[in-house]
Amino acid sequence: MTKTKMCEFCAVWDELSNLTPLFEQGKTNVSYYCDRCLPDVKSNLLNLPYSSLFTWGKKEVKK
């Protein structure tokens, strides 16, 4: 059974291996974004004065 998550930006469900995680310093919640939304989300985050608090993870590898 494959894990699925929802893209936080467009609300589309997809396999976890197709989504990129976003971690926020000091928080335990992880947001996931699809490849279609990723450029828009990254450009929006770069405009924030506290953008250094966000870290992009790597996609999960299929086993």
Protein backbone atom coordinates (compact mmCIF):
# COMPACT_ATOMS: atom_id res chain seq x y z
CA MET A 1 0.00 0.00 0.00
CA THR A 2 1.42 3.37 -0.97
CA LYS A 3 1.24 6.39 1.29
CA THR A 4 -0.63 9.38 -0.04
CA LYS A 5 -0.67 12.99 1.12
CA MET A 6 -2.40 16.12 -0.05
CA CYS A 7 -0.60 19.07 -1.63
CA GLU A 8 -1.11 21.99 0.76
CA PHE A 9 -1.35 24.47 -2.13
CA CYS A 10 -3.73 22.87 -4.64
CA ALA A 11 -5.34 20.17 -2.43
CA VAL A 12 -4.61 17.33 -4.85
CA TRP A 13 -3.88 13.90 -3.35
CA ASP A 14 -0.78 12.13 -4.64
CA GLU A 15 1.73 9.48 -3.64
CA LEU A 16 4.23 10.64 -1.05
CA SER A 17 7.07 9.87 -3.46
CA ASN A 18 5.74 12.56 -5.83
CA LEU A 19 5.56 15.31 -3.20
CA THR A 20 8.28 17.56 -1.75
CA PRO A 21 8.16 18.17 2.01
CA LEU A 22 8.61 21.59 3.62
CA PHE A 23 9.82 21.77 7.21
CA GLU A 24 9.48 24.84 9.42
CA GLN A 25 12.04 25.36 12.18
CA GLY A 26 10.55 24.70 15.60
CA LYS A 27 7.40 23.03 14.23
CA THR A 28 6.53 19.34 13.96
CA ASN A 29 4.00 19.72 11.13
CA VAL A 30 5.35 18.93 7.65
CA SER A 31 3.69 20.43 4.57
CA TYR A 32 3.84 18.63 1.23
CA TYR A 33 3.74 20.21 -2.24
CA CYS A 34 3.39 18.72 -5.73
CA ASP A 35 5.78 19.53 -8.58
CA ARG A 36 3.20 21.77 -10.24
CA CYS A 37 2.84 24.03 -7.18
CA LEU A 38 6.43 23.91 -5.95
CA PRO A 39 7.79 26.88 -8.00
CA ASP A 40 4.97 29.17 -6.86
CA VAL A 41 5.32 28.16 -3.22
CA LYS A 42 9.10 28.63 -3.27
CA SER A 43 8.82 32.09 -4.82
CA ASN A 44 6.17 33.09 -2.26
CA LEU A 45 8.30 31.88 0.65
CA LEU A 46 11.38 33.72 -0.59
CA ASN A 47 9.46 37.00 -0.26
CA LEU A 48 8.89 36.46 3.46
CA PRO A 49 11.28 38.14 5.90
CA TYR A 50 11.51 34.87 7.87
CA SER A 51 12.10 32.57 4.88
CA SER A 52 15.27 31.23 6.52
CA LEU A 53 13.06 29.27 8.94
CA PHE A 54 11.88 26.96 6.14
CA THR A 55 13.80 23.93 4.88
CA TRP A 56 12.92 21.88 1.81
CA GLY A 57 13.27 18.13 2.11
CA LYS A 58 13.83 15.49 -0.54
CA LYS A 59 11.14 13.37 -2.07
CA GLU A 60 10.65 9.99 -0.45
CA VAL A 61 12.25 7.17 -2.43
CA LYS A 62 9.98 4.35 -3.57
CA LYS A 63 10.94 0.97 -2.12
